[in-house]
Amino acid sequence: MTHLHVFDMDGTLLRGAGSVELARHLGTFEAADRIERAWGRGEITDVQFWERMLPLWADVTEEEIDAAFAASAWIDGVREVFADITERGEHVAVISQSPHFFVRRLEAWGAHRTFGSDVVPLREARKEHLLTLQHKVDITLSLLDELGLDETDAVAYGDSTSDTLLFARLTHTVGVNCTEVLRRHAAVCFEGDDIRGAYALGRRLLEQERVT
């Protein structure tokens, strides 16, 4: 028996947001933080978020993205959790609304599949480029179908409203330092600085499924 573990990135594997971490490395943190906060308050749309954020990275290089990724505030234990899942013959997917060019770097840490918004510097951000809450559900179901697994063979890990539709769809869900809204949807919740604790709860949910 194998399983699929689906992780959100921002706020779950990463203590902040990928866009802000990249801006921090490029010296534009204050501007990025204002954009992030305005979006969080619902003052700007998703497209407007990227219209304002992307210019902050206009001249970014692959080397700078690599350096920003390495220096970002990752929660402890990410590589170890990915390695344990792989050693068990199971599967890791990371699905995030952050730019895929940032998210895909988690493949070097052991993620088997990564998905993110198709936004890049120096290109207009359009609605069809963005990964939505429904996309998280659709991608997860597609991966399960590809792997020949049922929904009860999956565990989702997330922290915020971007995960609510996926949590509503799946049985095995772990809120990670999550908002009150997501807490109402999660099967279990984890508070702490090490993703291994959340992963242990996810494994427990799978074990309970096997027993029943």
Foldseek 3Di string as FASTA:
>chain_A
DAFEEEEEPAVFFFVHDLLLLLLVLLVNNVQLVVLVVCVVVVNDDPLVSCVSRQVSCQPPDLVSLVVSLVPGRGFADPLVLLVVSVVVVYAYEYEYQHAQSNQVVCVVSRHPYYYYFPDHHPDRDDPVRTQALVNSQVVVVVVCVVVVHDLLRYEYEEAEPSPQVVLQPGDHYEHEVHDPVVVVSHPYYDYDRHCVVSVVSSVVSSVVVVVD
